Amino acid sequence: MTCTRRFQDGLLKEARRANKIDAAYRIPEEFRNNTPERLAEAFATPRRAGLFSEYPFGTDLTREEIDLARALRWLKERTGSKAGRVATIARALFRTPDEAHRGYLDRLNLAARNFDESLTARLVSLALTRTRSEREAVTSRTAATDP
């Protein structure tokens, strides 16, 4: 059960207990699938077409910060399990950070002075590469401009 659905049943119980909703009311099935994954899937094609902005109310983040945030979320998702962490680190070990990512790595102060920094730079570069298609799908309404 996903996060969104997990809360629906509890909220419905509370509403019944407080007599805010009829005891016989059931959440219709078509409203029980409002998960972040399903919404992302539903909006993926229109977003690629430039119809939905990543930050619909705007943002003060720079383009670089948006790209790094997306890449770091990607890394977090891929390294959440032990197997995922090992696989992601293995992929990163056998690559050299992309020169196009130098500005991002400098921003994170990853000068590769030691093994930890070198590995982190490789991981960030891998994540930036893997999230490149998402970067390209961002519309001008979404994209922040650098100051």
N, C-alpha and C. Protein backbone atom coordinates (compact mmCIF):
# COMPACT_ATOMS: atom_id res chain seq x y z
N MET A 1 0.86 -1.18 0.00
CA MET A 1 0.00 0.00 0.00
C MET A 1 0.90 1.23 0.00
N THR A 2 0.62 2.16 -0.86
CA THR A 2 1.46 3.34 -0.96
C THR A 2 1.11 4.33 0.13
N CYS A 3 1.95 5.31 0.23
CA CYS A 3 1.81 6.34 1.26
C CYS A 3 0.44 7.01 1.22
N THR A 4 0.01 7.42 0.05
CA THR A 4 -1.26 8.14 -0.08
C THR A 4 -2.43 7.28 0.36
N ARG A 5 -2.47 6.06 -0.14
CA ARG A 5 -3.57 5.15 0.23
C ARG A 5 -3.52 4.81 1.71
N ARG A 6 -2.33 4.72 2.25
CA ARG A 6 -2.18 4.36 3.66
C ARG A 6 -2.93 5.35 4.54
N PHE A 7 -2.93 6.61 4.18
CA PHE A 7 -3.58 7.63 4.99
C PHE A 7 -5.09 7.67 4.79
N GLN A 8 -5.57 7.25 3.64
CA GLN A 8 -6.99 7.35 3.35
C GLN A 8 -7.83 6.57 4.36
N ASP A 9 -7.46 5.34 4.63
CA ASP A 9 -8.26 4.52 5.55
C ASP A 9 -8.28 5.10 6.96
N GLY A 10 -7.13 5.57 7.41
CA GLY A 10 -7.06 6.16 8.75
C GLY A 10 -7.90 7.43 8.86
N LEU A 11 -7.83 8.27 7.85
CA LEU A 11 -8.62 9.50 7.86
C LEU A 11 -10.11 9.20 7.79
N LEU A 12 -10.46 8.20 7.00
CA LEU A 12 -11.87 7.81 6.91
C LEU A 12 -12.37 7.31 8.27
N LYS A 13 -11.58 6.51 8.97
CA LYS A 13 -11.96 6.03 10.31
C LYS A 13 -12.17 7.19 11.26
N GLU A 14 -11.23 8.15 11.24
CA GLU A 14 -11.34 9.31 12.13
C GLU A 14 -12.61 10.11 11.82
N ALA A 15 -12.90 10.28 10.53
CA ALA A 15 -14.10 11.04 10.14
C ALA A 15 -15.36 10.32 10.60
N ARG A 16 -15.38 9.01 10.50
CA ARG A 16 -16.55 8.24 10.97
C ARG A 16 -16.70 8.38 12.48
N ARG A 17 -15.58 8.22 13.19
CA ARG A 17 -15.60 8.30 14.65
C ARG A 17 -16.09 9.66 15.13
N ALA A 18 -15.78 10.71 14.39
CA ALA A 18 -16.19 12.07 14.76
C ALA A 18 -17.56 12.42 14.16
N ASN A 19 -18.22 11.43 13.56
CA ASN A 19 -19.53 11.65 12.93
C ASN A 19 -19.49 12.74 11.86
N LYS A 20 -18.40 12.83 11.15
CA LYS A 20 -18.26 13.80 10.07
C LYS A 20 -18.66 13.21 8.72
N ILE A 21 -18.79 11.89 8.70
CA ILE A 21 -19.12 11.20 7.45
C ILE A 21 -19.99 10.00 7.77
N ASP A 22 -20.86 9.64 6.87
CA ASP A 22 -21.75 8.51 7.05
C ASP A 22 -20.95 7.22 7.27
N ALA A 23 -21.38 6.42 8.20
CA ALA A 23 -20.66 5.18 8.54
C ALA A 23 -20.61 4.21 7.36
N ALA A 24 -21.54 4.29 6.44
CA ALA A 24 -21.57 3.38 5.30
C ALA A 24 -20.72 3.86 4.13
N TYR A 25 -20.19 5.08 4.21
CA TYR A 25 -19.43 5.62 3.09
C TYR A 25 -18.15 4.82 2.83
N ARG A 26 -17.90 4.56 1.58
CA ARG A 26 -16.67 3.89 1.13
C ARG A 26 -16.00 4.79 0.11
N ILE A 27 -14.70 4.87 0.16
CA ILE A 27 -13.96 5.65 -0.83
C ILE A 27 -14.04 4.92 -2.16
N PRO A 28 -14.55 5.58 -3.19
CA PRO A 28 -14.67 4.92 -4.50
C PRO A 28 -13.29 4.46 -5.01
N GLU A 29 -13.28 3.32 -5.64
CA GLU A 29 -12.03 2.72 -6.11
C GLU A 29 -11.22 3.66 -7.00
N GLU A 30 -11.91 4.44 -7.85
CA GLU A 30 -11.18 5.33 -8.75
C GLU A 30 -10.42 6.43 -8.01
N PHE A 31 -10.75 6.66 -6.74
CA PHE A 31 -10.04 7.66 -5.95
C PHE A 31 -9.02 7.04 -5.00
N ARG A 32 -8.90 5.72 -5.04
CA ARG A 32 -7.96 5.06 -4.14
C ARG A 32 -6.59 4.86 -4.80
N ASN A 33 -6.45 5.30 -6.03
CA ASN A 33 -5.20 5.09 -6.73
C ASN A 33 -4.47 6.42 -6.96
N ASN A 34 -4.63 7.34 -6.05
CA ASN A 34 -3.99 8.65 -6.20
C ASN A 34 -2.61 8.64 -5.56
N THR A 35 -1.74 7.81 -6.13
CA THR A 35 -0.38 7.66 -5.62
C THR A 35 0.57 8.57 -6.39
N PRO A 36 1.66 8.96 -5.79
CA PRO A 36 2.65 9.79 -6.50
C PRO A 36 3.15 9.11 -7.78
N GLU A 37 3.31 7.80 -7.74
CA GLU A 37 3.80 7.08 -8.92
C GLU A 37 2.78 7.14 -10.07
N ARG A 38 1.51 6.93 -9.75
CA ARG A 38 0.49 6.95 -10.79
C ARG A 38 0.34 8.34 -11.37
N LEU A 39 0.42 9.35 -10.52
CA LEU A 39 0.31 10.72 -11.01
C LEU A 39 1.51 11.08 -11.89
N ALA A 40 2.70 10.66 -11.48
CA ALA A 40 3.89 10.92 -12.30
C ALA A 40 3.74 10.25 -13.66
N GLU A 41 3.23 9.03 -13.65
CA GLU A 41 3.02 8.30 -14.91
C GLU A 41 1.98 9.01 -15.78
N ALA A 42 0.90 9.46 -15.17
CA ALA A 42 -0.16 10.12 -15.92
C ALA A 42 0.29 11.44 -16.54
N PHE A 43 1.17 12.15 -15.85
CA PHE A 43 1.62 13.46 -16.33
C PHE A 43 2.91 13.41 -17.13
N ALA A 44 3.54 12.25 -17.26
CA ALA A 44 4.84 12.14 -17.93
C ALA A 44 4.78 12.64 -19.37
N THR A 45 3.85 12.15 -20.14
CA THR A 45 3.77 12.54 -21.56
C THR A 45 3.45 14.03 -21.72
N PRO A 46 2.44 14.55 -21.03
CA PRO A 46 2.18 15.99 -21.14
C PRO A 46 3.35 16.85 -20.67
N ARG A 47 4.08 16.40 -19.64
CA ARG A 47 5.23 17.17 -19.16
C ARG A 47 6.32 17.21 -20.21
N ARG A 48 6.53 16.07 -20.88
CA ARG A 48 7.54 16.04 -21.94
C ARG A 48 7.15 17.00 -23.06
N ALA A 49 5.86 17.19 -23.24
CA ALA A 49 5.38 18.12 -24.27
C ALA A 49 5.40 19.57 -23.78
N GLY A 50 5.83 19.78 -22.54
CA GLY A 50 5.95 21.13 -22.01
C GLY A 50 4.69 21.69 -21.39
N LEU A 51 3.71 20.84 -21.10
CA LEU A 51 2.44 21.32 -20.58
C LEU A 51 2.40 21.50 -19.06
N PHE A 52 3.21 20.76 -18.34
CA PHE A 52 3.19 20.88 -16.88
C PHE A 52 4.58 21.18 -16.38
N SER A 53 4.67 22.17 -15.57
CA SER A 53 5.95 22.62 -15.03
C SER A 53 6.34 21.82 -13.80
N GLU A 54 7.63 21.60 -13.64
CA GLU A 54 8.13 20.91 -12.46
C GLU A 54 7.87 21.73 -11.20
N TYR A 55 7.98 23.04 -11.32
CA TYR A 55 7.71 23.96 -10.23
C TYR A 55 6.60 24.91 -10.68
N PRO A 56 5.34 24.48 -10.55
CA PRO A 56 4.24 25.26 -11.12
C PRO A 56 4.07 26.66 -10.52
N PHE A 57 4.58 26.88 -9.34
CA PHE A 57 4.45 28.19 -8.72
C PHE A 57 5.75 28.97 -8.77
N GLY A 58 6.70 28.48 -9.60
CA GLY A 58 7.98 29.15 -9.74
C GLY A 58 8.97 28.69 -8.68
N THR A 59 10.19 29.13 -8.82
CA THR A 59 11.22 28.76 -7.87
C THR A 59 12.36 29.77 -7.91
N ASP A 60 13.06 29.88 -6.79
CA ASP A 60 14.25 30.73 -6.74
C ASP A 60 15.51 29.90 -6.98
N LEU A 61 15.33 28.60 -7.19
CA LEU A 61 16.48 27.74 -7.44
C LEU A 61 17.09 28.06 -8.80
N THR A 62 18.40 27.94 -8.89
CA THR A 62 19.05 28.11 -10.18
C THR A 62 18.90 26.81 -10.97
N ARG A 63 19.15 26.88 -12.25
CA ARG A 63 19.09 25.69 -13.11
C ARG A 63 20.02 24.60 -12.54
N GLU A 64 21.19 25.00 -12.09
CA GLU A 64 22.16 24.07 -11.52
C GLU A 64 21.61 23.40 -10.26
N GLU A 65 20.97 24.16 -9.40
CA GLU A 65 20.40 23.61 -8.18
C GLU A 65 19.26 22.64 -8.47
N ILE A 66 18.44 22.94 -9.47
CA ILE A 66 17.36 22.04 -9.86
C ILE A 66 17.94 20.73 -10.38
N ASP A 67 18.95 20.83 -11.24
CA ASP A 67 19.59 19.63 -11.78
C ASP A 67 20.22 18.79 -10.68
N LEU A 68 20.91 19.44 -9.75
CA LEU A 68 21.54 18.70 -8.64
C LEU A 68 20.49 18.06 -7.73
N ALA A 69 19.42 18.76 -7.45
CA ALA A 69 18.37 18.20 -6.60
C ALA A 69 17.79 16.94 -7.24
N ARG A 70 17.54 17.02 -8.53
CA ARG A 70 16.98 15.87 -9.25
C ARG A 70 17.98 14.70 -9.23
N ALA A 71 19.25 14.99 -9.47
CA ALA A 71 20.28 13.95 -9.48
C ALA A 71 20.44 13.33 -8.09
N LEU A 72 20.41 14.14 -7.06
CA LEU A 72 20.58 13.61 -5.70
C LEU A 72 19.37 12.78 -5.27
N ARG A 73 18.17 13.16 -5.73
CA ARG A 73 16.99 12.32 -5.46
C ARG A 73 17.14 10.98 -6.17
N TRP A 74 17.64 11.01 -7.40
CA TRP A 74 17.87 9.77 -8.16
C TRP A 74 18.85 8.87 -7.39
N LEU A 75 19.92 9.46 -6.89
CA LEU A 75 20.90 8.68 -6.11
C LEU A 75 20.27 8.10 -4.85
N LYS A 76 19.48 8.89 -4.16
CA LYS A 76 18.84 8.42 -2.94
C LYS A 76 17.94 7.22 -3.23
N GLU A 77 17.16 7.31 -4.33
CA GLU A 77 16.28 6.20 -4.71
C GLU A 77 17.07 4.95 -5.05
N ARG A 78 18.19 5.12 -5.75
CA ARG A 78 18.97 3.97 -6.22
C ARG A 78 19.84 3.34 -5.12
N THR A 79 20.08 4.06 -4.05
CA THR A 79 20.97 3.54 -3.00
C THR A 79 20.22 3.25 -1.71
N GLY A 80 18.90 3.15 -1.78
CA GLY A 80 18.09 2.91 -0.59
C GLY A 80 18.21 1.51 -0.04
N SER A 81 18.56 0.56 -0.90
CA SER A 81 18.74 -0.82 -0.42
C SER A 81 20.21 -1.19 -0.57
N LYS A 82 20.61 -2.22 0.13
CA LYS A 82 22.01 -2.64 0.05
C LYS A 82 22.37 -3.06 -1.37
N ALA A 83 21.49 -3.84 -2.02
CA ALA A 83 21.75 -4.28 -3.39
C ALA A 83 21.82 -3.08 -4.34
N GLY A 84 20.92 -2.14 -4.18
CA GLY A 84 20.92 -0.95 -5.02
C GLY A 84 22.16 -0.12 -4.82
N ARG A 85 22.59 0.00 -3.56
CA ARG A 85 23.79 0.77 -3.24
C ARG A 85 25.02 0.14 -3.90
N VAL A 86 25.14 -1.18 -3.78
CA VAL A 86 26.28 -1.89 -4.36
C VAL A 86 26.28 -1.74 -5.88
N ALA A 87 25.12 -1.91 -6.51
CA ALA A 87 25.03 -1.82 -7.97
C ALA A 87 25.35 -0.41 -8.46
N THR A 88 24.85 0.60 -7.76
CA THR A 88 25.08 1.99 -8.17
C THR A 88 26.54 2.37 -7.99
N ILE A 89 27.13 1.97 -6.87
CA ILE A 89 28.55 2.25 -6.64
C ILE A 89 29.41 1.54 -7.67
N ALA A 90 29.07 0.30 -7.99
CA ALA A 90 29.84 -0.44 -9.00
C ALA A 90 29.79 0.29 -10.35
N ARG A 91 28.61 0.77 -10.74
CA ARG A 91 28.49 1.51 -12.00
C ARG A 91 29.34 2.77 -11.96
N ALA A 92 29.33 3.45 -10.83
CA ALA A 92 30.06 4.71 -10.71
C ALA A 92 31.58 4.50 -10.70
N LEU A 93 32.02 3.40 -10.12
CA LEU A 93 33.46 3.14 -10.03
C LEU A 93 34.12 3.02 -11.39
N PHE A 94 33.39 2.54 -12.37
CA PHE A 94 33.97 2.29 -13.68
C PHE A 94 33.70 3.42 -14.67
N ARG A 95 33.54 4.61 -14.14
CA ARG A 95 33.35 5.76 -15.03
C ARG A 95 34.15 6.94 -14.51
N THR A 96 34.48 7.81 -15.39
CA THR A 96 35.15 9.05 -15.04
C THR A 96 34.09 10.14 -15.05
N PRO A 97 34.11 11.03 -14.08
CA PRO A 97 33.10 12.09 -14.11
C PRO A 97 33.14 12.84 -15.44
N ASP A 98 31.98 13.08 -15.98
CA ASP A 98 31.84 13.78 -17.25
C ASP A 98 32.34 15.22 -17.08
N GLU A 99 33.15 15.68 -18.02
CA GLU A 99 33.69 17.04 -17.94
C GLU A 99 32.58 18.09 -17.97
N ALA A 100 31.46 17.76 -18.61
CA ALA A 100 30.33 18.68 -18.65
C ALA A 100 29.72 18.89 -17.26
N HIS A 101 30.04 18.02 -16.31
CA HIS A 101 29.50 18.11 -14.96
C HIS A 101 30.45 18.85 -14.00
N ARG A 102 31.56 19.37 -14.51
CA ARG A 102 32.56 20.02 -13.65
C ARG A 102 31.95 21.12 -12.80
N GLY A 103 31.09 21.96 -13.38
CA GLY A 103 30.47 23.04 -12.61
C GLY A 103 29.63 22.52 -11.45
N TYR A 104 28.91 21.44 -11.68
CA TYR A 104 28.10 20.82 -10.63
C TYR A 104 28.99 20.28 -9.51
N LEU A 105 30.06 19.61 -9.92
CA LEU A 105 30.96 19.01 -8.93
C LEU A 105 31.68 20.09 -8.14
N ASP A 106 32.07 21.17 -8.80
CA ASP A 106 32.67 22.30 -8.09
C ASP A 106 31.69 22.89 -7.09
N ARG A 107 30.42 22.98 -7.50
CA ARG A 107 29.38 23.53 -6.63
C ARG A 107 29.28 22.71 -5.34
N LEU A 108 29.48 21.38 -5.47
CA LEU A 108 29.43 20.49 -4.31
C LEU A 108 30.80 20.33 -3.64
N ASN A 109 31.77 21.08 -4.13
CA ASN A 109 33.12 21.05 -3.58
C ASN A 109 33.73 19.63 -3.66
N LEU A 110 33.53 18.99 -4.80
CA LEU A 110 34.05 17.64 -5.01
C LEU A 110 35.26 17.71 -5.93
N ALA A 111 36.39 18.02 -5.35
CA ALA A 111 37.62 18.18 -6.13
C ALA A 111 38.37 16.87 -6.29
N ALA A 112 37.81 15.78 -5.78
CA ALA A 112 38.42 14.45 -5.87
C ALA A 112 39.81 14.43 -5.24
N ARG A 113 39.93 15.02 -4.05
CA ARG A 113 41.20 15.05 -3.33
C ARG A 113 41.51 13.71 -2.66
N ASN A 114 40.48 12.91 -2.47
CA ASN A 114 40.69 11.60 -1.84
C ASN A 114 39.68 10.62 -2.43
N PHE A 115 39.74 9.37 -2.00
CA PHE A 115 38.87 8.34 -2.57
C PHE A 115 37.39 8.65 -2.35
N ASP A 116 37.02 9.10 -1.15
CA ASP A 116 35.62 9.40 -0.86
C ASP A 116 35.07 10.49 -1.80
N GLU A 117 35.83 11.56 -1.96
CA GLU A 117 35.39 12.63 -2.86
C GLU A 117 35.34 12.16 -4.30
N SER A 118 36.32 11.36 -4.68
CA SER A 118 36.35 10.84 -6.05
C SER A 118 35.13 9.95 -6.32
N LEU A 119 34.80 9.08 -5.38
CA LEU A 119 33.63 8.21 -5.54
C LEU A 119 32.35 9.03 -5.56
N THR A 120 32.25 10.01 -4.68
CA THR A 120 31.06 10.85 -4.65
C THR A 120 30.91 11.63 -5.96
N ALA A 121 32.02 12.14 -6.49
CA ALA A 121 31.98 12.85 -7.77
C ALA A 121 31.51 11.92 -8.88
N ARG A 122 31.97 10.69 -8.87
CA ARG A 122 31.54 9.73 -9.88
C ARG A 122 30.06 9.41 -9.74
N LEU A 123 29.59 9.27 -8.50
CA LEU A 123 28.16 9.00 -8.26
C LEU A 123 27.29 10.16 -8.74
N VAL A 124 27.70 11.37 -8.41
CA VAL A 124 26.93 12.55 -8.82
C VAL A 124 26.92 12.67 -10.35
N SER A 125 28.06 12.43 -10.97
CA SER A 125 28.14 12.49 -12.43
C SER A 125 27.23 11.43 -13.06
N LEU A 126 27.23 10.24 -12.50
CA LEU A 126 26.34 9.18 -12.99
C LEU A 126 24.88 9.63 -12.87
N ALA A 127 24.53 10.18 -11.72
CA ALA A 127 23.14 10.62 -11.49
C ALA A 127 22.76 11.75 -12.44
N LEU A 128 23.67 12.68 -12.67
CA LEU A 128 23.39 13.77 -13.61
C LEU A 128 23.17 13.23 -15.02
N THR A 129 23.96 12.24 -15.40
CA THR A 129 23.80 11.62 -16.71
C THR A 129 22.45 10.93 -16.81
N ARG A 130 22.09 10.17 -15.78
CA ARG A 130 20.84 9.41 -15.80
C ARG A 130 19.61 10.29 -15.75
N THR A 131 19.72 11.49 -15.18
CA THR A 131 18.56 12.38 -15.08
C THR A 131 18.56 13.43 -16.19
N ARG A 132 19.45 13.32 -17.14
CA ARG A 132 19.56 14.31 -18.23
C ARG A 132 18.24 14.45 -19.00
N SER A 133 17.56 13.35 -19.28
CA SER A 133 16.32 13.44 -20.05
C SER A 133 15.26 14.24 -19.29
N GLU A 134 15.26 14.14 -17.98
CA GLU A 134 14.32 14.93 -17.20
C GLU A 134 14.67 16.42 -17.28
N ARG A 135 15.97 16.71 -17.29
CA ARG A 135 16.42 18.10 -17.41
C ARG A 135 15.96 18.69 -18.73
N GLU A 136 16.06 17.91 -19.79
CA GLU A 136 15.71 18.39 -21.12
C GLU A 136 14.21 18.58 -21.27
N ALA A 137 13.40 17.89 -20.47
CA ALA A 137 11.95 17.98 -20.57
C ALA A 137 11.39 19.21 -19.86
N VAL A 138 12.20 19.86 -19.05
CA VAL A 138 11.74 21.00 -18.28
C VAL A 138 11.47 22.17 -19.21
N THR A 139 10.34 22.82 -18.99
CA THR A 139 9.96 23.93 -19.86
C THR A 139 10.59 25.23 -19.37
N SER A 140 10.52 26.23 -20.19
CA SER A 140 11.08 27.52 -19.83
C SER A 140 10.34 28.13 -18.65
N ARG A 141 9.05 27.78 -18.49
CA ARG A 141 8.31 28.27 -17.32
C ARG A 141 8.86 27.66 -16.05
N THR A 142 9.43 26.47 -16.16
CA THR A 142 9.97 25.78 -15.00
C THR A 142 11.38 26.21 -14.71
N ALA A 143 12.13 26.37 -15.75
CA ALA A 143 13.57 26.58 -15.61
C ALA A 143 13.85 27.92 -14.94
N ALA A 144 14.68 27.83 -13.93
CA ALA A 144 15.14 29.05 -13.28
C ALA A 144 16.32 29.57 -14.08
N THR A 145 16.52 30.86 -14.05
CA THR A 145 17.69 31.40 -14.72
C THR A 145 18.74 31.69 -13.68
N ASP A 146 19.96 31.51 -14.06
CA ASP A 146 21.04 31.82 -13.13
C ASP A 146 21.12 33.32 -12.93
N PRO A 147 21.38 33.75 -11.70
CA PRO A 147 21.43 35.19 -11.41
C PRO A 147 22.56 35.86 -12.15
